[in-house]
PDB file of all heavy atoms in Angstrom:
ATOM      1  N   MET A   1     134.162 212.138  47.478  1.00  0.00           N
ATOM      2  CA  MET A   1     133.114 212.061  46.473  1.00  0.00           C
ATOM      3  C   MET A   1     133.405 213.086  45.401  1.00  0.00           C
ATOM      4  O   MET A   1     134.028 214.105  45.638  1.00  0.00           O
ATOM      5  CB  MET A   1     131.758 212.357  47.116  1.00  0.00           C
ATOM      6  CG  MET A   1     131.305 211.288  48.080  1.00  0.00           C
ATOM      7  SD  MET A   1     129.709 211.714  48.831  1.00  0.00           S
ATOM      8  CE  MET A   1     130.168 213.142  49.751  1.00  0.00           C
ATOM      9  N   LYS A   2     132.894 212.786  44.206  1.00  0.00           N
ATOM     10  CA  LYS A   2     133.079 213.638  43.038  1.00  0.00           C
ATOM     11  C   LYS A   2     131.777 213.870  42.311  1.00  0.00           C
ATOM     12  O   LYS A   2     130.848 213.049  42.391  1.00  0.00           O
ATOM     13  CB  LYS A   2     134.082 212.991  42.074  1.00  0.00           C
ATOM     14  CG  LYS A   2     135.479 212.783  42.621  1.00  0.00           C
ATOM     15  CD  LYS A   2     136.207 214.087  42.796  1.00  0.00           C
ATOM     16  CE  LYS A   2     137.637 213.819  43.217  1.00  0.00           C
ATOM     17  NZ  LYS A   2     138.418 215.056  43.345  1.00  0.00           N
ATOM     18  N   GLU A   3     131.704 214.973  41.618  1.00  0.00           N
ATOM     19  CA  GLU A   3     130.585 215.241  40.704  1.00  0.00           C
ATOM     20  C   GLU A   3     131.186 215.202  39.297  1.00  0.00           C
ATOM     21  O   GLU A   3     132.160 215.881  39.017  1.00  0.00           O
ATOM     22  CB  GLU A   3     129.944 216.605  40.939  1.00  0.00           C
ATOM     23  CG  GLU A   3     128.916 216.928  39.880  1.00  0.00           C
ATOM     24  CD  GLU A   3     128.375 218.344  39.973  1.00  0.00           C
ATOM     25  OE1 GLU A   3     128.517 218.977  41.038  1.00  0.00           O
ATOM     26  OE2 GLU A   3     127.866 218.834  38.950  1.00  0.00           O
ATOM     27  N   ILE A   4     130.586 214.419  38.437  1.00  0.00           N
ATOM     28  CA  ILE A   4     130.965 214.396  37.022  1.00  0.00           C
ATOM     29  C   ILE A   4     129.876 215.128  36.293  1.00  0.00           C
ATOM     30  O   ILE A   4     128.690 214.789  36.389  1.00  0.00           O
ATOM     31  CB  ILE A   4     131.098 212.949  36.493  1.00  0.00           C
ATOM     32  CG1 ILE A   4     132.164 212.214  37.274  1.00  0.00           C
ATOM     33  CG2 ILE A   4     131.382 212.979  34.982  1.00  0.00           C
ATOM     34  CD1 ILE A   4     132.222 210.727  37.044  1.00  0.00           C
ATOM     35  N   ARG A   5     130.252 216.144  35.535  1.00  0.00           N
ATOM     36  CA  ARG A   5     129.307 216.942  34.737  1.00  0.00           C
ATOM     37  C   ARG A   5     129.725 216.827  33.295  1.00  0.00           C
ATOM     38  O   ARG A   5     130.843 217.159  32.927  1.00  0.00           O
ATOM     39  CB  ARG A   5     129.344 218.385  35.220  1.00  0.00           C
ATOM     40  CG  ARG A   5     128.254 219.258  34.636  1.00  0.00           C
ATOM     41  CD  ARG A   5     128.313 220.655  35.142  1.00  0.00           C
ATOM     42  NE  ARG A   5     128.217 220.727  36.605  1.00  0.00           N
ATOM     43  CZ  ARG A   5     128.467 221.804  37.329  1.00  0.00           C
ATOM     44  NH1 ARG A   5     128.851 222.916  36.731  1.00  0.00           N
ATOM     45  NH2 ARG A   5     128.350 221.784  38.622  1.00  0.00           N
ATOM     46  N   ALA A   6     128.815 216.346  32.449  1.00  0.00           N
ATOM     47  CA  ALA A   6     129.119 216.171  31.044  1.00  0.00           C
ATOM     48  C   ALA A   6     128.115 216.967  30.213  1.00  0.00           C
ATOM     49  O   ALA A   6     126.933 217.003  30.526  1.00  0.00           O
ATOM     50  CB  ALA A   6     129.019 214.692  30.658  1.00  0.00           C
ATOM     51  N   TYR A   7     128.646 217.602  29.172  1.00  0.00           N
ATOM     52  CA  TYR A   7     127.835 218.326  28.206  1.00  0.00           C
ATOM     53  C   TYR A   7     127.960 217.575  26.896  1.00  0.00           C
ATOM     54  O   TYR A   7     129.076 217.458  26.354  1.00  0.00           O
ATOM     55  CB  TYR A   7     128.340 219.780  28.026  1.00  0.00           C
ATOM     56  CG  TYR A   7     128.244 220.584  29.321  1.00  0.00           C
ATOM     57  CD1 TYR A   7     129.274 220.562  30.264  1.00  0.00           C
ATOM     58  CD2 TYR A   7     127.115 221.322  29.594  1.00  0.00           C
ATOM     59  CE1 TYR A   7     129.176 221.274  31.438  1.00  0.00           C
ATOM     60  CE2 TYR A   7     127.007 222.041  30.797  1.00  0.00           C
ATOM     61  CZ  TYR A   7     128.050 222.028  31.685  1.00  0.00           C
ATOM     62  OH  TYR A   7     127.930 222.738  32.855  1.00  0.00           O
ATOM     63  N   ILE A   8     126.833 217.056  26.391  1.00  0.00           N
ATOM     64  CA  ILE A   8     126.898 216.188  25.216  1.00  0.00           C
ATOM     65  C   ILE A   8     125.845 216.622  24.187  1.00  0.00           C
ATOM     66  O   ILE A   8     124.941 217.410  24.509  1.00  0.00           O
ATOM     67  CB  ILE A   8     126.668 214.704  25.601  1.00  0.00           C
ATOM     68  CG1 ILE A   8     125.258 214.474  26.167  1.00  0.00           C
ATOM     69  CG2 ILE A   8     127.735 214.232  26.572  1.00  0.00           C
ATOM     70  CD1 ILE A   8     124.861 213.034  26.311  1.00  0.00           C
ATOM     71  N   GLN A   9     125.951 216.047  22.986  1.00  0.00           N
ATOM     72  CA  GLN A   9     124.947 216.284  21.954  1.00  0.00           C
ATOM     73  C   GLN A   9     123.635 215.608  22.369  1.00  0.00           C
ATOM     74  O   GLN A   9     123.626 214.479  22.887  1.00  0.00           O
ATOM     75  CB  GLN A   9     125.412 215.670  20.630  1.00  0.00           C
ATOM     76  CG  GLN A   9     126.677 216.234  20.097  1.00  0.00           C
ATOM     77  CD  GLN A   9     126.453 217.537  19.359  1.00  0.00           C
ATOM     78  OE1 GLN A   9     125.370 218.142  19.399  1.00  0.00           O
ATOM     79  NE2 GLN A   9     127.477 217.986  18.648  1.00  0.00           N
ATOM     80  N   PRO A  10     122.485 216.274  22.132  1.00  0.00           N
ATOM     81  CA  PRO A  10     121.208 215.682  22.533  1.00  0.00           C
ATOM     82  C   PRO A  10     120.936 214.294  21.948  1.00  0.00           C
ATOM     83  O   PRO A  10     120.407 213.422  22.638  1.00  0.00           O
ATOM     84  CB  PRO A  10     120.174 216.707  22.029  1.00  0.00           C
ATOM     85  CG  PRO A  10     120.923 218.013  22.010  1.00  0.00           C
ATOM     86  CD  PRO A  10     122.319 217.642  21.620  1.00  0.00           C
ATOM     87  N   PHE A  11     121.331 214.080  20.702  1.00  0.00           N
ATOM     88  CA  PHE A  11     121.046 212.777  20.079  1.00  0.00           C
ATOM     89  C   PHE A  11     121.906 211.652  20.625  1.00  0.00           C
ATOM     90  O   PHE A  11     121.675 210.480  20.314  1.00  0.00           O
ATOM     91  CB  PHE A  11     121.186 212.852  18.548  1.00  0.00           C
ATOM     92  CG  PHE A  11     122.557 213.202  18.058  1.00  0.00           C
ATOM     93  CD1 PHE A  11     123.501 212.189  17.817  1.00  0.00           C
ATOM     94  CD2 PHE A  11     122.931 214.531  17.824  1.00  0.00           C
ATOM     95  CE1 PHE A  11     124.776 212.495  17.355  1.00  0.00           C
ATOM     96  CE2 PHE A  11     124.189 214.847  17.382  1.00  0.00           C
ATOM     97  CZ  PHE A  11     125.111 213.824  17.143  1.00  0.00           C
ATOM     98  N   MET A  12     122.905 211.972  21.487  1.00  0.00           N
ATOM     99  CA  MET A  12     123.750 210.950  22.083  1.00  0.00           C
ATOM    100  C   MET A  12     123.273 210.530  23.464  1.00  0.00           C
ATOM    101  O   MET A  12     123.861 209.615  24.093  1.00  0.00           O
ATOM    102  CB  MET A  12     125.198 211.465  22.181  1.00  0.00           C
ATOM    103  CG  MET A  12     125.821 211.782  20.833  1.00  0.00           C
ATOM    104  SD  MET A  12     125.793 210.387  19.675  1.00  0.00           S
ATOM    105  CE  MET A  12     127.121 209.423  20.309  1.00  0.00           C
ATOM    106  N   LEU A  13     122.221 211.124  23.989  1.00  0.00           N
ATOM    107  CA  LEU A  13     121.787 210.874  25.377  1.00  0.00           C
ATOM    108  C   LEU A  13     121.435 209.391  25.598  1.00  0.00           C
ATOM    109  O   LEU A  13     121.852 208.804  26.576  1.00  0.00           O
ATOM    110  CB  LEU A  13     120.594 211.742  25.765  1.00  0.00           C
ATOM    111  CG  LEU A  13     120.039 211.513  27.171  1.00  0.00           C
ATOM    112  CD1 LEU A  13     121.116 211.717  28.232  1.00  0.00           C
ATOM    113  CD2 LEU A  13     118.841 212.412  27.412  1.00  0.00           C
ATOM    114  N   GLN A  14     120.672 208.790  24.703  1.00  0.00           N
ATOM    115  CA  GLN A  14     120.279 207.371  24.917  1.00  0.00           C
ATOM    116  C   GLN A  14     121.484 206.458  24.888  1.00  0.00           C
ATOM    117  O   GLN A  14     121.617 205.565  25.713  1.00  0.00           O
ATOM    118  CB  GLN A  14     119.254 206.934  23.880  1.00  0.00           C
ATOM    119  CG  GLN A  14     118.639 205.581  24.194  1.00  0.00           C
ATOM    120  CD  GLN A  14     117.883 205.604  25.522  1.00  0.00           C
ATOM    121  OE1 GLN A  14     116.981 206.400  25.715  1.00  0.00           O
ATOM    122  NE2 GLN A  14     118.248 204.739  26.460  1.00  0.00           N
ATOM    123  N   LYS A  15     122.399 206.702  23.978  1.00  0.00           N
ATOM    124  CA  LYS A  15     123.633 205.879  23.903  1.00  0.00           C
ATOM    125  C   LYS A  15     124.481 206.016  25.151  1.00  0.00           C
ATOM    126  O   LYS A  15     124.956 205.019  25.706  1.00  0.00           O
ATOM    127  CB  LYS A  15     124.434 206.302  22.670  1.00  0.00           C
ATOM    128  CG  LYS A  15     125.624 205.434  22.430  1.00  0.00           C
ATOM    129  CD  LYS A  15     126.331 205.861  21.126  1.00  0.00           C
ATOM    130  CE  LYS A  15     127.605 205.052  20.948  1.00  0.00           C
ATOM    131  NZ  LYS A  15     128.376 205.473  19.773  1.00  0.00           N
ATOM    132  N   VAL A  16     124.600 207.262  25.670  1.00  0.00           N
ATOM    133  CA  VAL A  16     125.363 207.490  26.919  1.00  0.00           C
ATOM    134  C   VAL A  16     124.648 206.832  28.085  1.00  0.00           C
ATOM    135  O   VAL A  16     125.266 206.152  28.924  1.00  0.00           O
ATOM    136  CB  VAL A  16     125.580 208.998  27.142  1.00  0.00           C
ATOM    137  CG1 VAL A  16     126.146 209.227  28.537  1.00  0.00           C
ATOM    138  CG2 VAL A  16     126.514 209.564  26.077  1.00  0.00           C
ATOM    139  N   THR A  17     123.327 206.997  28.189  1.00  0.00           N
ATOM    140  CA  THR A  17     122.573 206.421  29.276  1.00  0.00           C
ATOM    141  C   THR A  17     122.715 204.884  29.268  1.00  0.00           C
ATOM    142  O   THR A  17     122.921 204.289  30.339  1.00  0.00           O
ATOM    143  CB  THR A  17     121.073 206.820  29.183  1.00  0.00           C
ATOM    144  OG1 THR A  17     120.984 208.237  29.204  1.00  0.00           O
ATOM    145  CG2 THR A  17     120.269 206.246  30.312  1.00  0.00           C
ATOM    146  N   ASP A  18     122.549 204.277  28.117  1.00  0.00           N
ATOM    147  CA  ASP A  18     122.698 202.811  28.030  1.00  0.00           C
ATOM    148  C   ASP A  18     124.086 202.366  28.479  1.00  0.00           C
ATOM    149  O   ASP A  18     124.223 201.374  29.223  1.00  0.00           O
ATOM    150  CB  ASP A  18     122.435 202.344  26.588  1.00  0.00           C
ATOM    151  CG  ASP A  18     120.979 202.509  26.183  1.00  0.00           C
ATOM    152  OD1 ASP A  18     120.106 202.712  27.048  1.00  0.00           O
ATOM    153  OD2 ASP A  18     120.732 202.461  24.949  1.00  0.00           O
ATOM    154  N   ALA A  19     125.138 203.085  28.063  1.00  0.00           N
ATOM    155  CA  ALA A  19     126.504 202.744  28.439  1.00  0.00           C
ATOM    156  C   ALA A  19     126.700 202.861  29.950  1.00  0.00           C
ATOM    157  O   ALA A  19     127.343 202.018  30.577  1.00  0.00           O
ATOM    158  CB  ALA A  19     127.480 203.595  27.685  1.00  0.00           C
ATOM    159  N   LEU A  20     126.109 203.902  30.554  1.00  0.00           N
ATOM    160  CA  LEU A  20     126.222 204.108  32.011  1.00  0.00           C
ATOM    161  C   LEU A  20     125.497 203.022  32.758  1.00  0.00           C
ATOM    162  O   LEU A  20     125.940 202.552  33.817  1.00  0.00           O
ATOM    163  CB  LEU A  20     125.716 205.502  32.404  1.00  0.00           C
ATOM    164  CG  LEU A  20     126.627 206.662  31.927  1.00  0.00           C
ATOM    165  CD1 LEU A  20     125.921 207.971  32.127  1.00  0.00           C
ATOM    166  CD2 LEU A  20     127.960 206.617  32.656  1.00  0.00           C
ATOM    167  N   HIS A  21     124.325 202.581  32.267  1.00  0.00           N
ATOM    168  CA  HIS A  21     123.615 201.465  32.896  1.00  0.00           C
ATOM    169  C   HIS A  21     124.460 200.181  32.853  1.00  0.00           C
ATOM    170  O   HIS A  21     124.462 199.415  33.818  1.00  0.00           O
ATOM    171  CB  HIS A  21     122.268 201.192  32.200  1.00  0.00           C
ATOM    172  CG  HIS A  21     121.208 202.147  32.590  1.00  0.00           C
ATOM    173  ND1 HIS A  21     120.687 202.228  33.878  1.00  0.00           N
ATOM    174  CD2 HIS A  21     120.537 203.095  31.879  1.00  0.00           C
ATOM    175  CE1 HIS A  21     119.762 203.161  33.928  1.00  0.00           C
ATOM    176  NE2 HIS A  21     119.644 203.710  32.747  1.00  0.00           N
ATOM    177  N   ARG A  22     125.181 199.974  31.752  1.00  0.00           N
ATOM    178  CA  ARG A  22     126.006 198.745  31.658  1.00  0.00           C
ATOM    179  C   ARG A  22     127.129 198.723  32.713  1.00  0.00           C
ATOM    180  O   ARG A  22     127.558 197.640  33.109  1.00  0.00           O
ATOM    181  CB  ARG A  22     126.604 198.607  30.244  1.00  0.00           C
ATOM    182  CG  ARG A  22     125.594 198.132  29.226  1.00  0.00           C
ATOM    183  CD  ARG A  22     126.267 197.737  27.894  1.00  0.00           C
ATOM    184  NE  ARG A  22     126.864 198.825  27.202  1.00  0.00           N
ATOM    185  CZ  ARG A  22     126.219 199.680  26.383  1.00  0.00           C
ATOM    186  NH1 ARG A  22     124.919 199.512  26.171  1.00  0.00           N
ATOM    187  NH2 ARG A  22     126.859 200.646  25.779  1.00  0.00           N
ATOM    188  N   ILE A  23     127.593 199.890  33.164  1.00  0.00           N
ATOM    189  CA  ILE A  23     128.640 199.897  34.214  1.00  0.00           C
ATOM    190  C   ILE A  23     128.021 200.154  35.597  1.00  0.00           C
ATOM    191  O   ILE A  23     128.697 200.461  36.518  1.00  0.00           O
ATOM    192  CB  ILE A  23     129.746 200.918  33.914  1.00  0.00           C
ATOM    193  CG1 ILE A  23     129.231 202.347  33.849  1.00  0.00           C
ATOM    194  CG2 ILE A  23     130.485 200.529  32.615  1.00  0.00           C
ATOM    195  CD1 ILE A  23     130.313 203.403  33.907  1.00  0.00           C
ATOM    196  N   HIS A  24     126.701 200.029  35.670  1.00  0.00           N
ATOM    197  CA  HIS A  24     125.973 200.069  36.931  1.00  0.00           C
ATOM    198  C   HIS A  24     125.959 201.451  37.603  1.00  0.00           C
ATOM    199  O   HIS A  24     126.037 201.532  38.830  1.00  0.00           O
ATOM    200  CB  HIS A  24     126.469 198.993  37.913  1.00  0.00           C
ATOM    201  CG  HIS A  24     126.468 197.622  37.296  1.00  0.00           C
ATOM    202  ND1 HIS A  24     125.306 196.960  37.013  1.00  0.00           N
ATOM    203  CD2 HIS A  24     127.484 196.854  36.886  1.00  0.00           C
ATOM    204  CE1 HIS A  24     125.599 195.785  36.462  1.00  0.00           C
ATOM    205  NE2 HIS A  24     126.921 195.702  36.349  1.00  0.00           N
ATOM    206  N   VAL A  25     125.868 202.503  36.815  1.00  0.00           N
ATOM    207  CA  VAL A  25     125.602 203.832  37.364  1.00  0.00           C
ATOM    208  C   VAL A  25     124.126 203.858  37.697  1.00  0.00           C
ATOM    209  O   VAL A  25     123.289 203.666  36.832  1.00  0.00           O
ATOM    210  CB  VAL A  25     126.012 204.954  36.391  1.00  0.00           C
ATOM    211  CG1 VAL A  25     125.516 206.316  36.882  1.00  0.00           C
ATOM    212  CG2 VAL A  25     127.527 204.943  36.175  1.00  0.00           C
ATOM    213  N   HIS A  26     123.793 204.148  38.960  1.00  0.00           N
ATOM    214  CA  HIS A  26     122.411 204.006  39.424  1.00  0.00           C
ATOM    215  C   HIS A  26     121.684 205.326  39.541  1.00  0.00           C
ATOM    216  O   HIS A  26     120.500 205.352  39.916  1.00  0.00           O
ATOM    217  CB  HIS A  26     122.375 203.286  40.762  1.00  0.00           C
ATOM    218  CG  HIS A  26     122.902 201.900  40.683  1.00  0.00           C
ATOM    219  ND1 HIS A  26     122.290 200.908  39.992  1.00  0.00           N
ATOM    220  CD2 HIS A  26     124.065 201.362  41.159  1.00  0.00           C
ATOM    221  CE1 HIS A  26     122.994 199.798  40.067  1.00  0.00           C
ATOM    222  NE2 HIS A  26     124.069 200.050  40.788  1.00  0.00           N
ATOM    223  N   GLY A  27     122.322 206.452  39.274  1.00  0.00           N
ATOM    224  CA  GLY A  27     121.614 207.717  39.340  1.00  0.00           C
ATOM    225  C   GLY A  27     122.334 208.831  38.615  1.00  0.00           C
ATOM    226  O   GLY A  27     123.569 208.844  38.587  1.00  0.00           O
ATOM    227  N   MET A  28     121.561 209.655  37.956  1.00  0.00           N
ATOM    228  CA  MET A  28     122.121 210.826  37.306  1.00  0.00           C
ATOM    229  C   MET A  28     120.977 211.810  37.066  1.00  0.00           C
ATOM    230  O   MET A  28     119.806 211.454  37.095  1.00  0.00           O
ATOM    231  CB  MET A  28     122.798 210.491  35.978  1.00  0.00           C
ATOM    232  CG  MET A  28     121.891 209.992  34.873  1.00  0.00           C
ATOM    233  SD  MET A  28     122.915 209.590  33.445  1.00  0.00           S
ATOM    234  CE  MET A  28     121.660 209.507  32.180  1.00  0.00           C
ATOM    235  N   SER A  29     121.362 213.075  36.867  1.00  0.00           N
ATOM    236  CA  SER A  29     120.398 214.116  36.545  1.00  0.00           C
ATOM    237  C   SER A  29     120.708 214.590  35.134  1.00  0.00           C
ATOM    238  O   SER A  29     121.867 214.627  34.723  1.00  0.00           O
ATOM    239  CB  SER A  29     120.510 215.277  37.526  1.00  0.00           C
ATOM    240  OG  SER A  29     120.213 214.848  38.823  1.00  0.00           O
ATOM    241  N   VAL A  30     119.656 214.958  34.411  1.00  0.00           N
ATOM    242  CA  VAL A  30     119.803 215.410  33.035  1.00  0.00           C
ATOM    243  C   VAL A  30     119.015 216.687  32.830  1.00  0.00           C
ATOM    244  O   VAL A  30     117.878 216.815  33.263  1.00  0.00           O
ATOM    245  CB  VAL A  30     119.267 214.300  32.075  1.00  0.00           C
ATOM    246  CG1 VAL A  30     119.316 214.764  30.621  1.00  0.00           C
ATOM    247  CG2 VAL A  30     120.058 213.019  32.230  1.00  0.00           C
ATOM    248  N   TRP A  31     119.657 217.643  32.121  1.00  0.00           N
ATOM    249  CA  TRP A  31     119.014 218.895  31.750  1.00  0.00           C
ATOM    250  C   TRP A  31     119.132 219.110  30.264  1.00  0.00           C
ATOM    251  O   TRP A  31     120.181 218.806  29.673  1.00  0.00           O
ATOM    252  CB  TRP A  31     119.698 220.097  32.423  1.00  0.00           C
ATOM    253  CG  TRP A  31     119.467 220.284  33.838  1.00  0.00           C
ATOM    254  CD1 TRP A  31     118.519 221.041  34.448  1.00  0.00           C
ATOM    255  CD2 TRP A  31     120.247 219.724  34.917  1.00  0.00           C
ATOM    256  NE1 TRP A  31     118.670 220.994  35.786  1.00  0.00           N
ATOM    257  CE2 TRP A  31     119.710 220.186  36.116  1.00  0.00           C
ATOM    258  CE3 TRP A  31     121.345 218.890  34.941  1.00  0.00           C
ATOM    259  CZ2 TRP A  31     120.234 219.816  37.372  1.00  0.00           C
ATOM    260  CZ3 TRP A  31     121.874 218.529  36.172  1.00  0.00           C
ATOM    261  CH2 TRP A  31     121.299 218.983  37.356  1.00  0.00           C
ATOM    262  N   GLU A  32     118.116 219.700  29.673  1.00  0.00           N
ATOM    263  CA  GLU A  32     118.212 220.210  28.285  1.00  0.00           C
ATOM    264  C   GLU A  32     118.657 221.666  28.415  1.00  0.00           C
ATOM    265  O   GLU A  32     117.981 222.453  29.088  1.00  0.00           O
ATOM    266  CB  GLU A  32     116.878 220.115  27.594  1.00  0.00           C
ATOM    267  CG  GLU A  32     116.424 218.675  27.332  1.00  0.00           C
ATOM    268  CD  GLU A  32     115.092 218.615  26.631  1.00  0.00           C
ATOM    269  OE1 GLU A  32     114.515 219.647  26.282  1.00  0.00           O
ATOM    270  OE2 GLU A  32     114.627 217.465  26.449  1.00  0.00           O
ATOM    271  N   ILE A  33     119.771 222.001  27.813  1.00  0.00           N
ATOM    272  CA  ILE A  33     120.313 223.348  27.932  1.00  0.00           C
ATOM    273  C   ILE A  33     120.677 223.891  26.550  1.00  0.00           C
ATOM    274  O   ILE A  33     120.588 223.180  25.544  1.00  0.00           O
ATOM    275  CB  ILE A  33     121.557 223.361  28.845  1.00  0.00           C
ATOM    276  CG1 ILE A  33     122.693 222.528  28.273  1.00  0.00           C
ATOM    277  CG2 ILE A  33     121.194 222.905  30.260  1.00  0.00           C
ATOM    278  CD1 ILE A  33     124.002 222.705  28.956  1.00  0.00           C
ATOM    279  N   LYS A  34     121.071 225.148  26.491  1.00  0.00           N
ATOM    280  CA  LYS A  34     121.582 225.771  25.281  1.00  0.00           C
ATOM    281  C   LYS A  34     122.833 226.507  25.630  1.00  0.00           C
ATOM    282  O   LYS A  34     122.979 227.058  26.707  1.00  0.00           O
ATOM    283  CB  LYS A  34     120.556 226.740  24.689  1.00  0.00           C
ATOM    284  CG  LYS A  34     119.328 226.079  24.157  1.00  0.00           C
ATOM    285  CD  LYS A  34     118.407 227.119  23.564  1.00  0.00           C
ATOM    286  CE  LYS A  34     117.125 226.437  23.093  1.00  0.00           C
ATOM    287  NZ  LYS A  34     116.218 227.394  22.501  1.00  0.00           N
ATOM    288  N   GLY A  35     123.778 226.554  24.698  1.00  0.00           N
ATOM    289  CA  GLY A  35     125.039 227.263  24.924  1.00  0.00           C
ATOM    290  C   GLY A  35     125.828 227.344  23.652  1.00  0.00           C
ATOM    291  O   GLY A  35     125.383 226.902  22.591  1.00  0.00           O
ATOM    292  N   PHE A  36     127.031 227.857  23.764  1.00  0.00           N
ATOM    293  CA  PHE A  36     127.930 227.841  22.622  1.00  0.00           C
ATOM    294  C   PHE A  36     129.378 227.726  23.148  1.00  0.00           C
ATOM    295  O   PHE A  36     129.648 228.055  24.267  1.00  0.00           O
ATOM    296  CB  PHE A  36     127.763 229.052  21.712  1.00  0.00           C
ATOM    297  CG  PHE A  36     128.151 230.364  22.320  1.00  0.00           C
ATOM    298  CD1 PHE A  36     129.456 230.829  22.243  1.00  0.00           C
ATOM    299  CD2 PHE A  36     127.237 231.118  23.036  1.00  0.00           C
ATOM    300  CE1 PHE A  36     129.811 232.064  22.776  1.00  0.00           C
ATOM    301  CE2 PHE A  36     127.579 232.326  23.596  1.00  0.00           C
ATOM    302  CZ  PHE A  36     128.865 232.795  23.490  1.00  0.00           C
ATOM    303  N   GLY A  37     130.181 227.165  22.296  1.00  0.00           N
ATOM    304  CA  GLY A  37     131.600 226.998  22.647  1.00  0.00           C
ATOM    305  C   GLY A  37     132.466 227.372  21.463  1.00  0.00           C
ATOM    306  O   GLY A  37     132.057 228.181  20.629  1.00  0.00           O
ATOM    307  N   ARG A  38     133.591 226.743  21.370  1.00  0.00           N
ATOM    308  CA  ARG A  38     134.560 227.067  20.327  1.00  0.00           C
ATOM    309  C   ARG A  38     134.037 226.828  18.941  1.00  0.00           C
ATOM    310  O   ARG A  38     134.470 227.448  17.978  1.00  0.00           O
ATOM    311  CB  ARG A  38     135.862 226.284  20.522  1.00  0.00           C
ATOM    312  CG  ARG A  38     136.611 226.796  21.741  1.00  0.00           C
ATOM    313  CD  ARG A  38     137.955 226.170  21.797  1.00  0.00           C
ATOM    314  NE  ARG A  38     138.619 226.652  23.000  1.00  0.00           N
ATOM    315  CZ  ARG A  38     139.559 226.002  23.624  1.00  0.00           C
ATOM    316  NH1 ARG A  38     139.991 224.854  23.159  1.00  0.00           N
ATOM    317  NH2 ARG A  38     140.125 226.504  24.704  1.00  0.00           N
ATOM    318  N   GLU A  39     133.106 225.882  18.789  1.00  0.00           N
ATOM    319  CA  GLU A  39     132.576 225.635  17.441  1.00  0.00           C
ATOM    320  C   GLU A  39     131.887 226.863  16.859  1.00  0.00           C
ATOM    321  O   GLU A  39     131.689 226.981  15.669  1.00  0.00           O
ATOM    322  CB  GLU A  39     131.662 224.397  17.418  1.00  0.00           C
ATOM    323  CG  GLU A  39     130.292 224.585  18.050  1.00  0.00           C
ATOM    324  CD  GLU A  39     130.259 224.239  19.515  1.00  0.00           C
ATOM    325  OE1 GLU A  39     131.319 224.109  20.140  1.00  0.00           O
ATOM    326  OE2 GLU A  39     129.158 224.121  20.092  1.00  0.00           O
TER     327      GLU A  39
END
């Protein structure tokens, strides 16, 4: 088993969720977080 952890832009959540539903992903957890990276 694997855990996939993705950090994405907040405005992309619905698009990502819809895409995951289309490939039959049946469960995920979502958090609103803050951080910074190379940008």
